[in-house]
Amino acid sequence: MAEAQQLLRAAGFQSTTKDVYDDDVSPGLVVGSEPAAGEVIRKFLPVSLAVSKGPQLFPCRS
């Protein structure tokens, strides 16, 4: 996540983050962004990064 934020700052963008559960992506890594990668936006618009919290776990009930 820190690397993605640094790359965005270097390109002149601000970013925010939101935590999401993801079964396949390790915690702390970026799962996706809004707008999506490859889209064209103005520099003053923020980029929101979805950061993995890992899989959502639930307590086992017996």
Protein backbone atom coordinates (compact mmCIF):
# COMPACT_ATOMS: atom_id res chain seq x y z
CA MET A 1 0.00 0.00 0.00
CA ALA A 2 2.76 2.48 0.89
CA GLU A 3 4.42 1.91 -2.48
CA ALA A 4 1.15 2.55 -4.34
CA GLN A 5 0.59 5.77 -2.37
CA GLN A 6 4.16 6.90 -3.09
CA LEU A 7 3.73 6.26 -6.82
CA LEU A 8 0.48 8.23 -6.84
CA ARG A 9 2.09 11.15 -4.97
CA ALA A 10 5.01 11.18 -7.41
CA ALA A 11 2.51 11.40 -10.27
CA GLY A 12 0.71 14.33 -8.59
CA PHE A 13 -2.30 12.51 -7.15
CA GLN A 14 -3.69 12.35 -3.63
CA SER A 15 -4.99 9.04 -2.32
CA THR A 16 -7.25 7.68 0.36
CA THR A 17 -7.55 4.11 1.55
CA LYS A 18 -10.38 1.84 2.60
CA ASP A 19 -9.97 -1.61 4.14
CA VAL A 20 -11.70 -4.55 2.46
CA TYR A 21 -11.73 -8.29 3.07
CA ASP A 22 -10.19 -10.41 0.31
CA ASP A 23 -9.70 -14.18 0.24
CA ASP A 24 -6.88 -14.09 -2.29
CA VAL A 25 -4.80 -10.97 -1.58
CA SER A 26 -2.49 -10.77 1.44
CA PRO A 27 -3.25 -8.16 4.11
CA GLY A 28 -1.74 -4.74 3.41
CA LEU A 29 -1.68 -5.13 -0.38
CA VAL A 30 -3.86 -3.09 -2.73
CA VAL A 31 -6.82 -5.04 -4.13
CA GLY A 32 -8.11 -2.34 -6.46
CA SER A 33 -8.71 1.35 -6.91
CA GLU A 34 -11.41 3.85 -7.77
CA PRO A 35 -11.05 4.96 -10.49
CA ALA A 36 -9.70 1.71 -11.86
CA ALA A 37 -6.14 1.39 -13.15
CA GLY A 38 -5.72 2.79 -16.65
CA GLU A 39 -8.56 5.32 -16.43
CA VAL A 40 -7.81 8.96 -17.21
CA ILE A 41 -8.60 11.50 -14.47
CA ARG A 42 -7.69 15.08 -13.58
CA LYS A 43 -4.84 15.55 -11.13
CA PHE A 44 -6.99 17.23 -8.47
CA LEU A 45 -9.28 14.19 -8.15
CA PRO A 46 -8.34 11.71 -5.39
CA VAL A 47 -7.69 8.03 -5.98
CA SER A 48 -9.22 5.61 -3.46
CA LEU A 49 -7.18 2.46 -2.81
CA ALA A 50 -8.89 -0.70 -1.56
CA VAL A 51 -6.44 -2.40 0.83
CA SER A 52 -6.81 -6.07 1.75
CA LYS A 53 -7.48 -7.10 5.34
CA GLY A 54 -7.15 -10.73 4.26
CA PRO A 55 -10.05 -13.17 4.45
CA GLN A 56 -12.95 -12.41 6.75
CA LEU A 57 -12.87 -15.00 9.52
CA PHE A 58 -15.75 -16.04 11.74
CA PRO A 59 -15.66 -17.86 15.08
CA CYS A 60 -16.43 -21.57 14.94
CA ARG A 61 -19.54 -22.50 16.90
CA SER A 62 -19.90 -26.04 18.19
